[in-house]
PDB file of N, CA and C in Angstrom:
ATOM      1  N   MET A   1       6.015 -12.785  -8.889  1.00  0.00           N
ATOM      2  CA  MET A   1       4.608 -11.797  -9.283  1.00  0.00           C
ATOM      3  C   MET A   1       5.154 -10.634  -8.657  1.00  0.00           C
ATOM      4  N   TYR A   2       3.940  -9.730  -9.229  1.00  0.00           N
ATOM      5  CA  TYR A   2       3.995  -8.433  -8.502  1.00  0.00           C
ATOM      6  C   TYR A   2       2.515  -8.128  -8.537  1.00  0.00           C
ATOM      7  N   TYR A   3       2.226  -7.817  -7.256  1.00  0.00           N
ATOM      8  CA  TYR A   3       0.812  -7.138  -6.572  1.00  0.00           C
ATOM      9  C   TYR A   3       0.345  -5.572  -6.687  1.00  0.00           C
ATOM     10  N   ASP A   4      -0.560  -5.141  -6.500  1.00  0.00           N
ATOM     11  CA  ASP A   4      -1.100  -3.928  -6.521  1.00  0.00           C
ATOM     12  C   ASP A   4      -2.246  -3.952  -4.956  1.00  0.00           C
ATOM     13  N   PHE A   5      -1.745  -3.950  -3.936  1.00  0.00           N
ATOM     14  CA  PHE A   5      -2.875  -4.425  -2.969  1.00  0.00           C
ATOM     15  C   PHE A   5      -3.459  -3.135  -1.880  1.00  0.00           C
ATOM     16  N   LEU A   6      -4.354  -2.777  -2.001  1.00  0.00           N
ATOM     17  CA  LEU A   6      -5.198  -1.137  -1.287  1.00  0.00           C
ATOM     18  C   LEU A   6      -6.080  -2.294  -0.260  1.00  0.00           C
ATOM     19  N   TYR A   7      -6.209  -1.249   1.005  1.00  0.00           N
ATOM     20  CA  TYR A   7      -6.851  -1.781   2.080  1.00  0.00           C
ATOM     21  C   TYR A   7      -7.074  -0.350   2.761  1.00  0.00           C
ATOM     22  N   ILE A   8      -8.378  -0.427   3.535  1.00  0.00           N
ATOM     23  CA  ILE A   8      -9.079   0.604   4.176  1.00  0.00           C
ATOM     24  C   ILE A   8      -9.225   0.106   5.562  1.00  0.00           C
ATOM     25  N   VAL A   9      -8.543   0.994   6.582  1.00  0.00           N
ATOM     26  CA  VAL A   9      -8.387   1.317   7.773  1.00  0.00           C
ATOM     27  C   VAL A   9      -9.690   2.354   8.296  1.00  0.00           C
ATOM     28  N   GLN A  10     -10.244   2.146   9.365  1.00  0.00           N
ATOM     29  CA  GLN A  10     -11.287   2.724  10.052  1.00  0.00           C
ATOM     30  C   GLN A  10     -10.783   4.267  10.336  1.00  0.00           C
ATOM     31  N   PRO A  11     -11.796   5.038  10.067  1.00  0.00           N
ATOM     32  CA  PRO A  11     -11.100   6.494   9.991  1.00  0.00           C
ATOM     33  C   PRO A  11     -10.605   6.591  11.617  1.00  0.00           C
ATOM     34  N   ASN A  12     -11.243   6.438  12.594  1.00  0.00           N
ATOM     35  CA  ASN A  12     -11.144   6.256  14.326  1.00  0.00           C
ATOM     36  C   ASN A  12      -9.806   5.632  15.121  1.00  0.00           C
ATOM     37  N   VAL A  13      -8.913   5.194  14.040  1.00  0.00           N
ATOM     38  CA  VAL A  13      -7.634   3.957  14.934  1.00  0.00           C
ATOM     39  C   VAL A  13      -6.964   5.580  15.307  1.00  0.00           C
ATOM     40  N   THR A  14      -5.939   5.023  16.570  1.00  0.00           N
ATOM     41  CA  THR A  14      -4.806   5.970  16.477  1.00  0.00           C
ATOM     42  C   THR A  14      -3.722   6.020  15.897  1.00  0.00           C
ATOM     43  N   ASP A  15      -2.526   6.687  15.644  1.00  0.00           N
ATOM     44  CA  ASP A  15      -1.978   6.887  14.751  1.00  0.00           C
ATOM     45  C   ASP A  15      -0.952   5.494  15.269  1.00  0.00           C
ATOM     46  N   GLU A  16      -0.904   5.333  16.334  1.00  0.00           N
ATOM     47  CA  GLU A  16       0.101   4.061  16.333  1.00  0.00           C
ATOM     48  C   GLU A  16      -0.747   2.800  16.259  1.00  0.00           C
ATOM     49  N   GLU A  17      -1.689   2.944  16.201  1.00  0.00           N
ATOM     50  CA  GLU A  17      -2.747   1.481  15.385  1.00  0.00           C
ATOM     51  C   GLU A  17      -2.326   1.120  14.134  1.00  0.00           C
ATOM     52  N   PHE A  18      -2.771   2.429  13.573  1.00  0.00           N
ATOM     53  CA  PHE A  18      -2.244   2.902  12.167  1.00  0.00           C
ATOM     54  C   PHE A  18      -0.960   1.995  11.586  1.00  0.00           C
ATOM     55  N   ASP A  19       0.115   2.803  12.324  1.00  0.00           N
ATOM     56  CA  ASP A  19       1.180   2.723  11.978  1.00  0.00           C
ATOM     57  C   ASP A  19       1.703   1.056  12.221  1.00  0.00           C
ATOM     58  N   THR A  20       1.200   0.325  13.116  1.00  0.00           N
ATOM     59  CA  THR A  20       1.454  -0.891  13.778  1.00  0.00           C
ATOM     60  C   THR A  20       0.798  -1.879  12.686  1.00  0.00           C
ATOM     61  N   ILE A  21      -0.481  -1.610  11.691  1.00  0.00           N
ATOM     62  CA  ILE A  21      -0.980  -2.277  11.126  1.00  0.00           C
ATOM     63  C   ILE A  21      -0.504  -2.454   9.833  1.00  0.00           C
ATOM     64  N   LEU A  22       0.410  -0.965   9.624  1.00  0.00           N
ATOM     65  CA  LEU A  22       0.855  -1.058   8.381  1.00  0.00           C
ATOM     66  C   LEU A  22       2.202  -1.789   8.488  1.00  0.00           C
ATOM     67  N   SER A  23       3.092  -1.554   9.623  1.00  0.00           N
ATOM     68  CA  SER A  23       4.497  -1.840   9.850  1.00  0.00           C
ATOM     69  C   SER A  23       3.986  -4.031   9.982  1.00  0.00           C
ATOM     70  N   ASP A  24       3.025  -4.388  10.075  1.00  0.00           N
ATOM     71  CA  ASP A  24       2.598  -5.729  10.237  1.00  0.00           C
ATOM     72  C   ASP A  24       2.916  -6.283   8.625  1.00  0.00           C
ATOM     73  N   VAL A  25       1.906  -5.452   8.061  1.00  0.00           N
ATOM     74  CA  VAL A  25       1.896  -5.772   6.264  1.00  0.00           C
ATOM     75  C   VAL A  25       3.089  -5.878   5.755  1.00  0.00           C
ATOM     76  N   VAL A  26       3.820  -4.986   6.038  1.00  0.00           N
ATOM     77  CA  VAL A  26       5.341  -4.743   5.186  1.00  0.00           C
ATOM     78  C   VAL A  26       6.190  -6.004   5.534  1.00  0.00           C
ATOM     79  N   SER A  27       5.948  -6.183   7.434  1.00  0.00           N
ATOM     80  CA  SER A  27       7.015  -7.646   7.585  1.00  0.00           C
ATOM     81  C   SER A  27       6.177  -8.769   7.116  1.00  0.00           C
ATOM     82  N   ARG A  28       4.853  -8.752   7.314  1.00  0.00           N
ATOM     83  CA  ARG A  28       4.738 -10.205   6.657  1.00  0.00           C
ATOM     84  C   ARG A  28       5.017 -10.358   5.250  1.00  0.00           C
ATOM     85  N   ILE A  29       5.168  -9.090   4.503  1.00  0.00           N
ATOM     86  CA  ILE A  29       5.591  -9.540   2.801  1.00  0.00           C
ATOM     87  C   ILE A  29       6.783  -9.642   3.131  1.00  0.00           C
ATOM     88  N   GLU A  30       7.376  -8.961   3.240  1.00  0.00           N
ATOM     89  CA  GLU A  30       9.029  -9.077   3.417  1.00  0.00           C
ATOM     90  C   GLU A  30       9.587 -10.610   4.240  1.00  0.00           C
ATOM     91  N   GLY A  31       8.899 -10.681   5.042  1.00  0.00           N
ATOM     92  CA  GLY A  31       9.469 -12.375   5.854  1.00  0.00           C
ATOM     93  C   GLY A  31       8.796 -13.163   5.063  1.00  0.00           C
ATOM     94  N   SER A  32       8.195 -13.092   4.137  1.00  0.00           N
ATOM     95  CA  SER A  32       7.596 -14.416   3.392  1.00  0.00           C
ATOM     96  C   SER A  32       8.829 -14.000   1.963  1.00  0.00           C
ATOM     97  N   GLY A  33       9.718 -13.094   1.950  1.00  0.00           N
ATOM     98  CA  GLY A  33      10.657 -13.461   1.033  1.00  0.00           C
ATOM     99  C   GLY A  33      10.102 -12.601  -0.204  1.00  0.00           C
ATOM    100  N   GLY A  34       9.215 -11.598   0.074  1.00  0.00           N
ATOM    101  CA  GLY A  34       8.602 -10.480  -0.944  1.00  0.00           C
ATOM    102  C   GLY A  34       9.313  -9.227  -0.512  1.00  0.00           C
ATOM    103  N   LYS A  35       8.849  -8.418  -1.509  1.00  0.00           N
ATOM    104  CA  LYS A  35       9.837  -6.590  -1.290  1.00  0.00           C
ATOM    105  C   LYS A  35       8.944  -5.744  -1.622  1.00  0.00           C
ATOM    106  N   VAL A  36       8.498  -4.788  -0.688  1.00  0.00           N
ATOM    107  CA  VAL A  36       7.982  -4.156  -1.004  1.00  0.00           C
ATOM    108  C   VAL A  36       8.518  -2.780  -1.986  1.00  0.00           C
ATOM    109  N   LEU A  37       7.805  -2.216  -2.970  1.00  0.00           N
ATOM    110  CA  LEU A  37       7.940  -1.520  -4.411  1.00  0.00           C
ATOM    111  C   LEU A  37       7.998  -0.047  -3.790  1.00  0.00           C
ATOM    112  N   LYS A  38       6.592  -0.251  -3.595  1.00  0.00           N
ATOM    113  CA  LYS A  38       6.403   1.744  -3.132  1.00  0.00           C
ATOM    114  C   LYS A  38       5.122   1.493  -2.328  1.00  0.00           C
ATOM    115  N   SER A  39       5.071   2.261  -1.553  1.00  0.00           N
ATOM    116  CA  SER A  39       3.774   2.233  -0.809  1.00  0.00           C
ATOM    117  C   SER A  39       3.258   3.834  -0.989  1.00  0.00           C
ATOM    118  N   ALA A  40       1.638   3.769  -0.440  1.00  0.00           N
ATOM    119  CA  ALA A  40       1.831   5.315  -0.511  1.00  0.00           C
ATOM    120  C   ALA A  40       0.157   5.174   0.303  1.00  0.00           C
ATOM    121  N   ILE A  41       0.182   6.309   1.248  1.00  0.00           N
ATOM    122  CA  ILE A  41      -0.833   6.068   2.311  1.00  0.00           C
ATOM    123  C   ILE A  41      -1.653   7.434   1.768  1.00  0.00           C
ATOM    124  N   TRP A  42      -2.799   7.289   1.135  1.00  0.00           N
ATOM    125  CA  TRP A  42      -3.844   8.398   0.370  1.00  0.00           C
ATOM    126  C   TRP A  42      -4.606   9.139   1.642  1.00  0.00           C
ATOM    127  N   GLY A  43      -4.361   8.844   2.498  1.00  0.00           N
ATOM    128  CA  GLY A  43      -5.554   9.062   3.565  1.00  0.00           C
ATOM    129  C   GLY A  43      -6.917   9.353   3.991  1.00  0.00           C
ATOM    130  N   LYS A  44      -7.714  10.140   4.469  1.00  0.00           N
ATOM    131  CA  LYS A  44      -8.932   9.641   4.992  1.00  0.00           C
ATOM    132  C   LYS A  44      -9.536  10.339   3.194  1.00  0.00           C
ATOM    133  N   LYS A  45     -10.574   9.478   3.337  1.00  0.00           N
ATOM    134  CA  LYS A  45     -11.076   9.555   2.000  1.00  0.00           C
ATOM    135  C   LYS A  45     -12.528   9.128   2.190  1.00  0.00           C
ATOM    136  N   GLN A  46     -13.992   9.543   1.573  1.00  0.00           N
ATOM    137  CA  GLN A  46     -14.733   9.322   1.580  1.00  0.00           C
ATOM    138  C   GLN A  46     -15.391   8.006   1.269  1.00  0.00           C
ATOM    139  N   LEU A  47     -16.061   7.344   1.617  1.00  0.00           N
ATOM    140  CA  LEU A  47     -16.731   5.756   0.910  1.00  0.00           C
ATOM    141  C   LEU A  47     -18.094   6.010   0.373  1.00  0.00           C
ATOM    142  N   ALA A  48     -17.738   5.032  -0.707  1.00  0.00           N
ATOM    143  CA  ALA A  48     -18.575   5.313  -1.930  1.00  0.00           C
ATOM    144  C   ALA A  48     -19.932   4.703  -0.940  1.00  0.00           C
ATOM    145  N   TYR A  49     -19.885   4.129  -0.218  1.00  0.00           N
ATOM    146  CA  TYR A  49     -21.174   3.090   0.808  1.00  0.00           C
ATOM    147  C   TYR A  49     -20.430   3.671   1.819  1.00  0.00           C
ATOM    148  N   PRO A  50     -21.546   3.377   2.950  1.00  0.00           N
ATOM    149  CA  PRO A  50     -21.279   2.758   4.494  1.00  0.00           C
ATOM    150  C   PRO A  50     -20.663   1.637   4.835  1.00  0.00           C
ATOM    151  N   ILE A  51     -19.560   1.102   5.386  1.00  0.00           N
ATOM    152  CA  ILE A  51     -19.581  -0.203   5.815  1.00  0.00           C
ATOM    153  C   ILE A  51     -18.819  -0.181   6.927  1.00  0.00           C
ATOM    154  N   LYS A  52     -20.162  -1.398   7.946  1.00  0.00           N
ATOM    155  CA  LYS A  52     -19.903  -1.417   9.613  1.00  0.00           C
ATOM    156  C   LYS A  52     -20.045   0.411   9.658  1.00  0.00           C
ATOM    157  N   LYS A  53     -21.249   0.838   9.293  1.00  0.00           N
ATOM    158  CA  LYS A  53     -21.402   2.122  10.115  1.00  0.00           C
ATOM    159  C   LYS A  53     -20.130   3.113   9.820  1.00  0.00           C
ATOM    160  N   TYR A  54     -19.397   3.542   8.989  1.00  0.00           N
ATOM    161  CA  TYR A  54     -18.435   4.162   8.579  1.00  0.00           C
ATOM    162  C   TYR A  54     -18.318   4.604   7.499  1.00  0.00           C
ATOM    163  N   ARG A  55     -18.885   6.192   7.054  1.00  0.00           N
ATOM    164  CA  ARG A  55     -18.539   6.555   6.038  1.00  0.00           C
ATOM    165  C   ARG A  55     -17.182   7.620   5.497  1.00  0.00           C
ATOM    166  N   GLN A  56     -15.909   6.784   6.317  1.00  0.00           N
ATOM    167  CA  GLN A  56     -14.931   7.638   5.691  1.00  0.00           C
ATOM    168  C   GLN A  56     -14.073   6.362   6.275  1.00  0.00           C
ATOM    169  N   GLY A  57     -12.823   6.465   5.216  1.00  0.00           N
ATOM    170  CA  GLY A  57     -12.196   5.429   6.012  1.00  0.00           C
ATOM    171  C   GLY A  57     -10.737   5.811   5.189  1.00  0.00           C
ATOM    172  N   ILE A  58      -9.556   5.364   6.119  1.00  0.00           N
ATOM    173  CA  ILE A  58      -8.001   5.666   5.950  1.00  0.00           C
ATOM    174  C   ILE A  58      -7.246   4.374   4.651  1.00  0.00           C
ATOM    175  N   TYR A  59      -6.967   5.452   3.329  1.00  0.00           N
ATOM    176  CA  TYR A  59      -6.370   4.395   2.180  1.00  0.00           C
ATOM    177  C   TYR A  59      -5.575   4.290   2.535  1.00  0.00           C
ATOM    178  N   VAL A  60      -4.971   2.941   2.025  1.00  0.00           N
ATOM    179  CA  VAL A  60      -3.107   2.463   2.037  1.00  0.00           C
ATOM    180  C   VAL A  60      -3.304   1.613   0.681  1.00  0.00           C
ATOM    181  N   ASN A  61      -2.160   2.186  -0.297  1.00  0.00           N
ATOM    182  CA  ASN A  61      -1.601   1.403  -1.215  1.00  0.00           C
ATOM    183  C   ASN A  61      -0.540   0.873  -1.181  1.00  0.00           C
ATOM    184  N   LEU A  62      -0.324  -0.390  -2.014  1.00  0.00           N
ATOM    185  CA  LEU A  62       0.913  -1.026  -1.653  1.00  0.00           C
ATOM    186  C   LEU A  62       1.229  -1.579  -2.890  1.00  0.00           C
ATOM    187  N   PHE A  63       2.765  -1.142  -3.641  1.00  0.00           N
ATOM    188  CA  PHE A  63       2.853  -2.451  -4.949  1.00  0.00           C
ATOM    189  C   PHE A  63       3.786  -3.165  -4.528  1.00  0.00           C
ATOM    190  N   TYR A  64       3.987  -4.309  -4.576  1.00  0.00           N
ATOM    191  CA  TYR A  64       5.071  -5.382  -3.855  1.00  0.00           C
ATOM    192  C   TYR A  64       4.964  -6.678  -4.938  1.00  0.00           C
ATOM    193  N   GLU A  65       6.451  -7.133  -4.792  1.00  0.00           N
ATOM    194  CA  GLU A  65       6.903  -8.418  -5.315  1.00  0.00           C
ATOM    195  C   GLU A  65       6.628  -9.682  -4.602  1.00  0.00           C
ATOM    196  N   ALA A  66       6.222 -10.574  -4.650  1.00  0.00           N
ATOM    197  CA  ALA A  66       6.481 -11.734  -3.931  1.00  0.00           C
ATOM    198  C   ALA A  66       5.866 -13.156  -4.830  1.00  0.00           C
ATOM    199  N   ASN A  67       6.104 -14.216  -4.258  1.00  0.00           N
ATOM    200  CA  ASN A  67       5.466 -15.195  -4.589  1.00  0.00           C
ATOM    201  C   ASN A  67       4.015 -15.671  -4.318  1.00  0.00           C
ATOM    202  N   THR A  68       3.127 -16.283  -4.990  1.00  0.00           N
ATOM    203  CA  THR A  68       1.814 -16.167  -5.388  1.00  0.00           C
ATOM    204  C   THR A  68       1.554 -16.253  -3.924  1.00  0.00           C
ATOM    205  N   THR A  69       1.838 -17.669  -3.233  1.00  0.00           N
ATOM    206  CA  THR A  69       0.906 -17.792  -1.817  1.00  0.00           C
ATOM    207  C   THR A  69       0.902 -16.499  -1.127  1.00  0.00           C
ATOM    208  N   VAL A  70       1.811 -15.193  -1.343  1.00  0.00           N
ATOM    209  CA  VAL A  70       2.029 -14.472  -0.625  1.00  0.00           C
ATOM    210  C   VAL A  70       0.518 -13.333   0.105  1.00  0.00           C
ATOM    211  N   PRO A  71      -0.305 -13.202  -1.297  1.00  0.00           N
ATOM    212  CA  PRO A  71      -1.361 -12.033  -0.693  1.00  0.00           C
ATOM    213  C   PRO A  71      -2.387 -12.848  -0.250  1.00  0.00           C
ATOM    214  N   LYS A  72      -2.378 -14.205  -0.550  1.00  0.00           N
ATOM    215  CA  LYS A  72      -3.496 -15.124   0.126  1.00  0.00           C
ATOM    216  C   LYS A  72      -3.386 -14.581   1.793  1.00  0.00           C
ATOM    217  N   GLN A  73      -2.179 -15.078   2.162  1.00  0.00           N
ATOM    218  CA  GLN A  73      -1.972 -14.653   3.431  1.00  0.00           C
ATOM    219  C   GLN A  73      -2.074 -13.443   4.307  1.00  0.00           C
ATOM    220  N   ILE A  74      -1.801 -12.153   3.200  1.00  0.00           N
ATOM    221  CA  ILE A  74      -2.289 -10.960   3.624  1.00  0.00           C
ATOM    222  C   ILE A  74      -3.309 -10.976   3.977  1.00  0.00           C
ATOM    223  N   GLU A  75      -4.024 -11.396   2.760  1.00  0.00           N
ATOM    224  CA  GLU A  75      -5.716 -11.344   2.929  1.00  0.00           C
ATOM    225  C   GLU A  75      -6.530 -11.954   4.531  1.00  0.00           C
ATOM    226  N   SER A  76      -5.949 -12.984   4.348  1.00  0.00           N
ATOM    227  CA  SER A  76      -6.562 -13.492   5.426  1.00  0.00           C
ATOM    228  C   SER A  76      -5.875 -13.215   6.933  1.00  0.00           C
ATOM    229  N   PHE A  77      -5.064 -12.439   6.667  1.00  0.00           N
ATOM    230  CA  PHE A  77      -4.176 -11.542   7.803  1.00  0.00           C
ATOM    231  C   PHE A  77      -5.197 -10.131   8.290  1.00  0.00           C
ATOM    232  N   LEU A  78      -5.204  -9.477   7.363  1.00  0.00           N
ATOM    233  CA  LEU A  78      -5.855  -8.890   7.283  1.00  0.00           C
ATOM    234  C   LEU A  78      -7.427  -9.168   7.837  1.00  0.00           C
ATOM    235  N   ALA A  79      -7.790 -10.165   7.705  1.00  0.00           N
ATOM    236  CA  ALA A  79      -9.455 -10.346   7.822  1.00  0.00           C
ATOM    237  C   ALA A  79      -9.401 -10.428   9.332  1.00  0.00           C
ATOM    238  N   LEU A  80      -8.655 -10.972   9.429  1.00  0.00           N
ATOM    239  CA  LEU A  80      -8.811 -10.845  11.408  1.00  0.00           C
ATOM    240  C   LEU A  80      -8.914  -9.351  12.133  1.00  0.00           C
ATOM    241  N   LYS A  81      -8.513  -8.679  11.587  1.00  0.00           N
ATOM    242  CA  LYS A  81      -7.927  -7.230  11.966  1.00  0.00           C
ATOM    243  C   LYS A  81      -9.670  -6.731  11.967  1.00  0.00           C
ATOM    244  N   ASP A  82     -10.055  -6.255  13.234  1.00  0.00           N
ATOM    245  CA  ASP A  82     -11.417  -5.333  13.028  1.00  0.00           C
ATOM    246  C   ASP A  82     -11.044  -4.231  12.931  1.00  0.00           C
ATOM    247  N   ASP A  83     -10.077  -3.221  12.792  1.00  0.00           N
ATOM    248  CA  ASP A  83     -10.126  -2.041  12.379  1.00  0.00           C
ATOM    249  C   ASP A  83      -9.263  -2.037  10.759  1.00  0.00           C
ATOM    250  N   VAL A  84      -9.640  -2.961   9.782  1.00  0.00           N
ATOM    251  CA  VAL A  84      -9.379  -3.056   8.577  1.00  0.00           C
ATOM    252  C   VAL A  84     -10.855  -3.187   7.806  1.00  0.00           C
ATOM    253  N   LEU A  85     -11.349  -2.182   7.136  1.00  0.00           N
ATOM    254  CA  LEU A  85     -12.852  -2.478   6.646  1.00  0.00           C
ATOM    255  C   LEU A  85     -12.802  -2.983   5.370  1.00  0.00           C
ATOM    256  N   ARG A  86     -12.134  -3.132   4.388  1.00  0.00           N
ATOM    257  CA  ARG A  86     -11.602  -3.625   2.997  1.00  0.00           C
ATOM    258  C   ARG A  86     -10.298  -3.977   2.815  1.00  0.00           C
ATOM    259  N   GLN A  87     -10.163  -4.810   1.829  1.00  0.00           N
ATOM    260  CA  GLN A  87      -8.857  -4.848   1.040  1.00  0.00           C
ATOM    261  C   GLN A  87      -9.344  -5.490  -0.300  1.00  0.00           C
ATOM    262  N   MET A  88      -7.988  -5.157  -1.014  1.00  0.00           N
ATOM    263  CA  MET A  88      -7.804  -5.699  -2.274  1.00  0.00           C
ATOM    264  C   MET A  88      -6.416  -6.229  -2.808  1.00  0.00           C
ATOM    265  N   THR A  89      -6.630  -7.061  -3.689  1.00  0.00           N
ATOM    266  CA  THR A  89      -5.179  -7.417  -4.265  1.00  0.00           C
ATOM    267  C   THR A  89      -5.154  -7.599  -5.657  1.00  0.00           C
ATOM    268  N   VAL A  90      -4.568  -6.926  -6.347  1.00  0.00           N
ATOM    269  CA  VAL A  90      -4.982  -7.185  -8.009  1.00  0.00           C
ATOM    270  C   VAL A  90      -3.224  -7.819  -8.708  1.00  0.00           C
ATOM    271  N   LYS A  91      -3.019  -8.867  -9.237  1.00  0.00           N
ATOM    272  CA  LYS A  91      -1.781  -9.320  -9.427  1.00  0.00           C
ATOM    273  C   LYS A  91      -1.619  -7.815 -10.897  1.00  0.00           C
ATOM    274  N   MET A  92      -0.533  -7.287 -11.061  1.00  0.00           N
ATOM    275  CA  MET A  92      -0.663  -6.370 -11.718  1.00  0.00           C
ATOM    276  C   MET A  92       0.432  -6.925 -13.579  1.00  0.00           C
ATOM    277  N   LEU A  93      -0.138  -6.292 -14.370  1.00  0.00           N
ATOM    278  CA  LEU A  93       0.289  -6.727 -15.616  1.00  0.00           C
ATOM    279  C   LEU A  93       2.099  -6.137 -15.684  1.00  0.00           C
ATOM    280  N   LYS A  94       2.132  -6.639 -17.311  1.00  0.00           N
ATOM    281  CA  LYS A  94       4.010  -6.543 -17.064  1.00  0.00           C
ATOM    282  C   LYS A  94       3.661  -4.603 -17.525  1.00  0.00           C
ATOM    283  N   LYS A  95       2.808  -4.361 -18.356  1.00  0.00           N
ATOM    284  CA  LYS A  95       2.575  -2.893 -18.969  1.00  0.00           C
ATOM    285  C   LYS A  95       2.660  -1.713 -17.735  1.00  0.00           C
ATOM    286  N   ASP A  96       2.043  -2.624 -16.745  1.00  0.00           N
ATOM    287  CA  ASP A  96       1.967  -1.847 -15.544  1.00  0.00           C
ATOM    288  C   ASP A  96       2.885  -1.554 -14.649  1.00  0.00           C
ATOM    289  N   ILE A  97       3.789  -2.884 -14.565  1.00  0.00           N
ATOM    290  CA  ILE A  97       5.246  -2.841 -13.886  1.00  0.00           C
ATOM    291  C   ILE A  97       5.971  -1.714 -14.407  1.00  0.00           C
ATOM    292  N   ALA A  98       6.200  -1.914 -15.977  1.00  0.00           N
ATOM    293  CA  ALA A  98       7.012  -1.002 -16.625  1.00  0.00           C
ATOM    294  C   ALA A  98       6.302   0.711 -16.086  1.00  0.00           C
ATOM    295  N   ARG A  99       5.309   0.943 -16.279  1.00  0.00           N
ATOM    296  CA  ARG A  99       5.112   2.356 -16.085  1.00  0.00           C
ATOM    297  C   ARG A  99       5.227   2.724 -14.734  1.00  0.00           C
ATOM    298  N   LEU A 100       5.335   1.566 -13.110  1.00  0.00           N
ATOM    299  CA  LEU A 100       5.495   1.561 -12.133  1.00  0.00           C
ATOM    300  C   LEU A 100       6.714   2.551 -12.219  1.00  0.00           C
ATOM    301  N   THR A 101       7.869   1.761 -12.807  1.00  0.00           N
ATOM    302  CA  THR A 101       9.187   1.740 -12.500  1.00  0.00           C
ATOM    303  C   THR A 101       9.730   2.808 -13.333  1.00  0.00           C
ATOM    304  N   GLN A 102       9.004   3.714 -14.368  1.00  0.00           N
ATOM    305  CA  GLN A 102       8.787   4.670 -15.157  1.00  0.00           C
ATOM    306  C   GLN A 102       8.860   6.058 -14.103  1.00  0.00           C
ATOM    307  N   GLY A 103       7.740   5.567 -13.686  1.00  0.00           N
ATOM    308  CA  GLY A 103       7.557   6.658 -12.378  1.00  0.00           C
ATOM    309  C   GLY A 103       8.701   6.833 -11.260  1.00  0.00           C
ATOM    310  N   GLU A 104       9.111   6.239 -10.803  1.00  0.00           N
ATOM    311  CA  GLU A 104       9.920   6.153 -10.016  1.00  0.00           C
ATOM    312  C   GLU A 104      11.515   6.731 -10.539  1.00  0.00           C
ATOM    313  N   GLN A 105      11.449   6.487 -11.855  1.00  0.00           N
ATOM    314  CA  GLN A 105      12.631   6.970 -12.506  1.00  0.00           C
ATOM    315  C   GLN A 105      12.268   8.662 -12.694  1.00  0.00           C
ATOM    316  N   LYS A 106      11.468   8.862 -12.914  1.00  0.00           N
ATOM    317  CA  LYS A 106      11.105   9.947 -13.006  1.00  0.00           C
ATOM    318  C   LYS A 106      10.984  10.629 -12.154  1.00  0.00           C
ATOM    319  N   VAL A 107      10.504  10.520 -10.872  1.00  0.00           N
ATOM    320  CA  VAL A 107      10.912  10.973  -9.540  1.00  0.00           C
ATOM    321  C   VAL A 107      12.349  10.840  -9.093  1.00  0.00           C
ATOM    322  N   SER A 108      12.628  10.446  -9.298  1.00  0.00           N
ATOM    323  CA  SER A 108      14.337  10.365  -9.034  1.00  0.00           C
ATOM    324  C   SER A 108      15.267  11.318  -9.757  1.00  0.00           C
ATOM    325  N   THR A 109      14.991  11.333 -10.767  1.00  0.00           N
ATOM    326  CA  THR A 109      15.234  13.094 -11.923  1.00  0.00           C
ATOM    327  C   THR A 109      14.917  14.093 -11.125  1.00  0.00           C
ATOM    328  N   VAL A 110      13.595  14.212 -11.418  1.00  0.00           N
ATOM    329  CA  VAL A 110      12.892  15.567 -10.798  1.00  0.00           C
ATOM    330  C   VAL A 110      13.956  15.809  -9.341  1.00  0.00           C
ATOM    331  N   GLN A 111      13.900  14.845  -8.272  1.00  0.00           N
ATOM    332  CA  GLN A 111      14.477  15.327  -7.155  1.00  0.00           C
ATOM    333  C   GLN A 111      15.925  15.541  -7.330  1.00  0.00           C
ATOM    334  N   GLU A 112      16.884  15.107  -8.074  1.00  0.00           N
ATOM    335  CA  GLU A 112      18.301  15.090  -8.625  1.00  0.00           C
ATOM    336  C   GLU A 112      18.241  16.666  -8.908  1.00  0.00           C
ATOM    337  N   ASN A 113      17.175  17.034 -10.139  1.00  0.00           N
ATOM    338  CA  ASN A 113      17.495  18.249 -10.750  1.00  0.00           C
ATOM    339  C   ASN A 113      17.361  19.354  -9.665  1.00  0.00           C
ATOM    340  N   GLN A 114      15.935  19.266  -8.703  1.00  0.00           N
ATOM    341  CA  GLN A 114      15.930  19.870  -7.709  1.00  0.00           C
ATOM    342  C   GLN A 114      17.197  20.593  -6.834  1.00  0.00           C
ATOM    343  N   GLU A 115      17.910  19.065  -6.547  1.00  0.00           N
ATOM    344  CA  GLU A 115      19.082  19.488  -5.473  1.00  0.00           C
ATOM    345  C   GLU A 115      20.190  20.328  -6.305  1.00  0.00           C
ATOM    346  N   GLN A 116      20.330  19.739  -7.709  1.00  0.00           N
ATOM    347  CA  GLN A 116      21.523  20.602  -8.246  1.00  0.00           C
ATOM    348  C   GLN A 116      21.131  21.840  -8.197  1.00  0.00           C
ATOM    349  N   ASN A 117      20.061  22.280  -8.330  1.00  0.00           N
ATOM    350  CA  ASN A 117      19.518  23.808  -8.658  1.00  0.00           C
ATOM    351  C   ASN A 117      19.651  24.430  -7.232  1.00  0.00           C
ATOM    352  N   ALA A 118      18.799  23.587  -6.041  1.00  0.00           N
ATOM    353  CA  ALA A 118      19.372  24.382  -4.793  1.00  0.00           C
ATOM    354  C   ALA A 118      20.914  24.494  -4.672  1.00  0.00           C
ATOM    355  N   GLN A 119      21.882  23.853  -4.861  1.00  0.00           N
ATOM    356  CA  GLN A 119      23.007  23.588  -4.794  1.00  0.00           C
ATOM    357  C   GLN A 119      24.233  24.917  -5.878  1.00  0.00           C
ATOM    358  N   SER A 120      23.131  25.414  -6.648  1.00  0.00           N
ATOM    359  CA  SER A 120      23.258  26.432  -7.657  1.00  0.00           C
ATOM    360  C   SER A 120      23.589  27.888  -7.202  1.00  0.00           C
TER     361      SER A 120
END
């Protein structure tokens, strides 16, 4: 199954703590036989409403492939972390997966074109 996973980290965490949380999530996905397809750190954003007295949070989005038990494991792991404000996992539809892979192909094609133009 393919999943879209979004979580929000407290804005006052250090870079080391943030990197540790991110690497822990990725290692748990890969340790359970899954594969992270794409990860994006959206950065510090304004929250729609205060959560635990914070008005901002650092957003992280992961697209991954794993068996059906992994999302529950990841969510229970992050529920114990005080630095994580919110989290949400959504099962992806086939059309969304196709759109994700097409986006990766377009990015690689653009990068190849830029490299060829730089060499010329």
